[in-house]
Protein backbone atom coordinates (compact mmCIF):
# COMPACT_ATOMS: atom_id res chain seq x y z
CA MET A 1 31.66 17.88 -51.48
CA ILE A 2 32.16 19.49 -47.77
CA GLN A 3 34.84 22.77 -47.39
CA LEU A 4 34.90 24.37 -44.04
CA GLN A 5 37.36 27.04 -42.73
CA SER A 6 37.49 28.22 -39.29
CA ILE A 7 33.72 27.20 -38.53
CA THR A 8 33.11 28.04 -34.63
CA LYS A 9 29.48 27.42 -32.96
CA LYS A 10 28.73 29.28 -29.30
CA PHE A 11 26.02 28.54 -26.96
CA GLY A 12 26.17 31.42 -24.51
CA ASP A 13 29.39 31.27 -23.29
CA TYR A 14 30.21 27.78 -24.41
CA THR A 15 31.87 27.16 -27.55
CA ALA A 16 30.78 23.94 -28.97
CA VAL A 17 32.70 24.44 -32.02
CA ASP A 18 36.58 26.18 -32.41
CA GLN A 19 37.42 26.80 -35.84
CA VAL A 20 37.20 23.78 -37.50
CA ASN A 21 38.57 23.09 -40.64
CA LEU A 22 37.46 20.19 -42.95
CA SER A 23 37.63 19.20 -46.41
CA VAL A 24 35.67 15.92 -47.93
CA GLU A 25 35.97 14.59 -51.44
CA GLN A 26 33.00 12.78 -53.42
CA GLY A 27 33.04 9.17 -53.16
CA GLU A 28 34.82 9.51 -49.80
CA ILE A 29 33.56 7.80 -46.43
CA CYS A 30 34.87 10.78 -43.67
CA GLY A 31 34.92 9.74 -40.18
CA LEU A 32 34.36 12.02 -37.51
CA ILE A 33 35.15 10.90 -34.20
CA GLY A 34 35.15 12.11 -30.41
CA ALA A 35 33.47 11.64 -27.40
CA ASN A 36 30.19 12.65 -26.43
CA GLY A 37 30.05 16.65 -26.16
CA ALA A 38 33.35 16.68 -28.66
CA GLY A 39 30.90 19.03 -30.95
CA LYS A 40 30.47 16.48 -33.90
CA THR A 41 26.69 16.79 -33.43
CA THR A 42 26.90 20.73 -33.48
CA LEU A 43 29.29 20.37 -36.66
CA ILE A 44 26.67 18.38 -38.48
CA ARG A 45 23.67 20.29 -37.83
CA MET A 46 25.56 23.28 -39.25
CA MET A 47 26.62 21.21 -42.40
CA CYS A 48 22.99 20.33 -42.54
CA GLY A 49 21.36 23.25 -42.72
CA LEU A 50 20.03 23.48 -39.30
CA LEU A 51 22.11 25.77 -37.48
CA LEU A 52 24.09 28.95 -38.37
CA PRO A 53 27.62 29.26 -37.75
CA ASP A 54 28.60 32.29 -35.41
CA GLY A 55 32.10 32.45 -36.98
CA GLY A 56 33.64 31.17 -40.57
CA GLU A 57 32.28 29.49 -43.89
CA GLY A 58 31.78 26.55 -45.26
CA ARG A 59 30.56 24.95 -48.48
CA VAL A 60 28.27 21.65 -48.83
CA LEU A 61 27.29 19.92 -52.20
CA GLY A 62 28.47 23.63 -53.68
CA PHE A 63 26.01 25.51 -51.43
CA ASP A 64 26.69 27.93 -48.37
CA ILE A 65 25.92 26.96 -45.20
CA ARG A 66 24.77 30.30 -43.97
CA HIS A 67 22.53 31.50 -47.08
CA GLN A 68 21.36 28.61 -48.80
CA GLN A 69 20.26 26.04 -46.07
CA LYS A 70 17.12 24.87 -47.21
CA ALA A 71 18.96 24.16 -51.18
CA ILE A 72 21.35 21.65 -48.44
CA ARG A 73 18.50 20.47 -46.96
CA GLN A 74 17.15 19.41 -50.22
CA GLN A 75 20.44 17.52 -51.74
CA ILE A 76 21.51 15.89 -48.19
CA GLY A 77 20.77 12.36 -46.43
CA TYR A 78 20.28 12.81 -42.24
CA MET A 79 20.57 10.37 -39.74
CA SER A 80 20.37 11.72 -36.51
CA GLN A 81 21.35 10.10 -33.15
CA LYS A 82 17.41 10.41 -32.31
CA PHE A 83 15.83 10.05 -35.99
CA SER A 84 11.94 10.98 -35.77
CA LEU A 85 10.59 8.10 -37.20
CA TYR A 86 6.92 8.27 -36.48
CA PRO A 87 6.10 5.48 -33.69
CA ASP A 88 2.47 5.10 -35.15
CA LEU A 89 3.08 4.43 -38.73
CA THR A 90 4.46 1.43 -39.92
CA VAL A 91 8.02 0.63 -41.19
CA GLU A 92 6.37 0.89 -44.54
CA GLU A 93 4.12 3.98 -44.08
CA ASN A 94 7.35 5.96 -42.77
CA LEU A 95 9.00 5.18 -45.90
CA ARG A 96 5.97 6.46 -48.01
CA PHE A 97 6.09 9.51 -45.64
CA TYR A 98 9.12 10.11 -46.43
CA ALA A 99 9.27 9.74 -49.73
CA ALA A 100 6.42 12.33 -50.44
CA LEU A 101 8.84 14.70 -48.11
CA TYR A 102 11.71 14.98 -50.64
CA GLY A 103 9.08 14.33 -53.45
CA ILE A 104 9.65 11.39 -54.88
CA HIS A 105 6.58 9.93 -57.35
CA GLN A 106 7.80 8.34 -60.24
CA GLY A 107 9.04 4.92 -59.67
CA LEU A 108 8.17 5.13 -55.86
CA GLU A 109 6.98 1.33 -55.63
CA LYS A 110 10.78 0.25 -56.88
CA ARG A 111 12.46 2.54 -54.54
CA ILE A 112 10.41 1.37 -51.37
CA ALA A 113 10.64 -2.51 -52.56
CA SER A 114 14.20 -1.91 -52.96
CA GLN A 115 15.02 -0.08 -49.51
CA ILE A 116 13.22 -2.56 -48.02
CA GLU A 117 15.39 -5.46 -49.38
CA ALA A 118 18.24 -3.41 -49.28
CA PHE A 119 17.78 -3.31 -45.15
CA ARG A 120 16.11 -6.47 -44.98
CA LEU A 121 13.27 -4.94 -43.40
CA GLU A 122 10.26 -7.30 -45.31
CA GLU A 123 9.91 -9.35 -41.76
CA VAL A 124 9.03 -5.99 -39.94
CA ARG A 125 7.49 -4.19 -43.10
CA GLN A 126 3.56 -3.88 -41.72
CA GLU A 127 4.98 -3.90 -37.84
CA ARG A 128 4.42 -0.36 -36.23
CA VAL A 129 7.58 1.57 -35.85
CA GLY A 130 7.18 1.92 -32.26
CA ARG A 131 7.65 -1.42 -31.30
CA LEU A 132 10.30 -1.98 -33.01
CA PRO A 133 14.11 -2.72 -30.45
CA GLY A 134 16.49 -0.56 -31.45
CA GLY A 135 18.49 -2.60 -34.15
CA TRP A 136 15.31 -2.66 -36.29
CA LEU A 137 14.86 1.34 -35.91
CA GLN A 138 18.27 2.13 -36.83
CA ARG A 139 17.42 0.50 -40.11
CA VAL A 140 14.61 1.93 -41.06
CA ALA A 141 16.17 5.68 -40.33
CA PHE A 142 19.22 4.45 -42.46
CA ALA A 143 16.81 3.32 -45.12
CA SER A 144 14.55 6.72 -44.66
CA ALA A 145 18.15 8.98 -44.80
CA GLN A 146 19.16 7.78 -48.04
CA LEU A 147 15.36 7.01 -49.66
CA HIS A 148 16.08 9.35 -52.28
CA SER A 149 19.51 8.64 -53.48
CA PRO A 150 21.45 11.87 -51.74
CA PRO A 151 24.90 12.50 -52.89
CA LEU A 152 25.47 13.35 -49.60
CA LEU A 153 25.20 11.12 -45.99
CA PHE A 154 25.18 12.66 -42.77
CA LEU A 155 24.90 9.95 -40.22
CA ASP A 156 25.32 10.36 -36.46
CA GLU A 157 26.15 7.43 -34.66
CA PRO A 158 24.03 5.19 -37.01
CA THR A 159 25.36 1.84 -35.27
CA SER A 160 25.07 2.67 -31.86
CA GLY A 161 23.12 0.08 -29.66
CA VAL A 162 22.98 -2.56 -32.44
CA ASP A 163 24.24 -5.83 -32.08
CA PRO A 164 27.64 -6.84 -34.43
CA VAL A 165 25.18 -8.44 -37.44
CA THR A 166 23.62 -5.12 -38.09
CA ARG A 167 26.70 -3.41 -37.78
CA ARG A 168 28.84 -5.45 -40.40
CA ALA A 169 25.11 -4.87 -42.47
CA PHE A 170 25.33 -1.03 -41.91
CA TRP A 171 29.12 -0.78 -43.20
CA GLU A 172 28.21 -3.55 -46.30
CA GLN A 173 25.63 -0.60 -47.13
CA LEU A 174 28.31 2.37 -46.75
CA TYR A 175 30.87 0.82 -49.00
CA ARG A 176 28.40 0.01 -51.90
CA LEU A 177 26.79 3.66 -51.75
CA ALA A 178 30.87 4.73 -51.88
CA ASP A 179 31.47 2.40 -54.40
CA GLU A 180 28.65 4.45 -56.21
CA GLY A 181 29.85 7.52 -55.47
CA THR A 182 27.97 8.58 -52.56
CA THR A 183 30.02 10.63 -49.87
CA ILE A 184 29.36 10.03 -46.13
CA LEU A 185 30.39 11.71 -43.19
CA VAL A 186 29.72 9.21 -39.71
CA THR A 187 30.44 9.88 -36.99
CA THR A 188 31.57 7.38 -34.05
CA HIS A 189 33.34 7.00 -30.83
CA VAL A 190 34.16 3.37 -31.99
CA MET A 191 37.21 2.93 -32.84
CA ASP A 192 36.97 -0.33 -34.72
CA GLU A 193 34.52 1.55 -36.85
CA ALA A 194 37.03 4.58 -37.54
CA GLU A 195 39.35 2.20 -39.11
CA ARG A 196 36.96 1.33 -42.10
CA CYS A 197 37.04 5.13 -42.71
CA ASP A 198 39.00 6.42 -46.01
CA HIS A 199 40.09 9.19 -43.51
CA ILE A 200 39.22 10.33 -39.46
CA THR A 201 39.13 14.16 -38.22
CA MET A 202 39.42 13.56 -34.62
CA MET A 203 37.49 16.44 -32.46
CA ASN A 204 37.70 17.07 -28.58
CA GLN A 205 36.39 19.77 -26.44
CA GLY A 206 34.81 21.27 -29.93
CA GLU A 207 38.60 21.53 -31.41
CA VAL A 208 40.29 19.38 -34.44
CA VAL A 209 43.25 17.60 -32.89
CA ALA A 210 43.78 15.31 -35.96
CA GLU A 211 43.20 14.32 -39.39
CA GLY A 212 44.36 12.38 -42.30
CA ALA A 213 43.97 8.82 -43.59
CA VAL A 214 44.18 5.92 -40.72
CA ASN A 215 47.37 4.58 -41.42
CA GLN A 216 48.78 7.83 -41.48
CA LEU A 217 47.92 8.66 -38.43
CA LYS A 218 49.02 5.87 -36.74
CA LYS A 219 52.25 6.45 -38.05
CA GLU A 220 52.38 10.42 -37.37
CA PHE A 221 51.47 9.23 -33.40
CA ALA A 222 53.72 5.99 -33.00
CA ARG A 223 55.35 6.14 -29.77
CA ASP A 224 58.92 5.09 -30.59
CA GLU A 225 60.78 3.32 -33.50
CA HIS A 226 60.08 0.43 -32.32
CA THR A 227 56.58 0.80 -32.41
CA PRO A 228 55.68 1.83 -35.90
CA LEU A 229 52.20 2.14 -35.37
CA ALA A 230 49.64 3.44 -32.95
CA THR A 231 46.15 1.94 -32.13
CA LEU A 232 43.20 4.27 -32.92
CA ASP A 233 42.77 3.11 -28.98
CA GLU A 234 46.16 4.74 -28.24
CA LEU A 235 45.72 7.59 -30.65
CA PHE A 236 41.94 8.29 -29.48
CA ILE A 237 43.16 8.72 -25.70
CA GLN A 238 46.56 10.18 -26.28
CA LEU A 239 44.80 13.09 -27.96
CA THR A 240 41.31 13.39 -26.43
CA GLY A 241 42.59 12.06 -22.49
CA LYS A 242 39.38 9.66 -22.45
CA GLY A 243 38.99 6.11 -22.75
CA ASP A 244 36.78 4.19 -25.59
CA HIS A 245 33.58 4.15 -23.42
CA ASP A 246 34.16 7.60 -22.30
CA GLY A 247 31.46 8.37 -25.64
CA GLY A 248 28.27 6.59 -24.86
């Protein structure tokens, strides 16, 4: 679903993404881990066809990230850190707007009703989005991103600023989607969320510093034979030099 080789992106003299390799298979939940400024969002924007890389090669859903950006954007779902919801529209009107962008006409009412039920949006269905608190906004953003049932979802810190109950509901949705075959790449700097992923790729200052299944990495970076498993918190600090809250 995703294959990247030596992907690099520079902004002037600053290298935001440096020689990154990444492979994600169908139905996996891949965690892209790192503090703010690690290069996660820049990497996602290249995979989504929103930025051109300066070096390297990559394919998403079989499409070339340099030359087939429009095709990629039509096939994926993307929830950015600052999702572009329309504050003067209601929750339902936002969903209808994004349905129109994705060309959804047949079965539209059923699709919207399904999203409202899945993300528990009934009580705010007719509320203007601009009046909703952060947790509700994240729910609407997530519902909009997967309204068209894309085979691949990019979620950039989707649980940032949400309460524990909403966070748990988000991950229940992610597990359900993955079980149905959807591939998910999710960024986070929260290590207990990283534990939930099938595998993780950890970035620091634009580079990949660790990659693999969670338990595999815990064993690989264990301190000694008397401490057979490192925690992800320890691993994160060891490889990035940052505490768990430095990312936001």
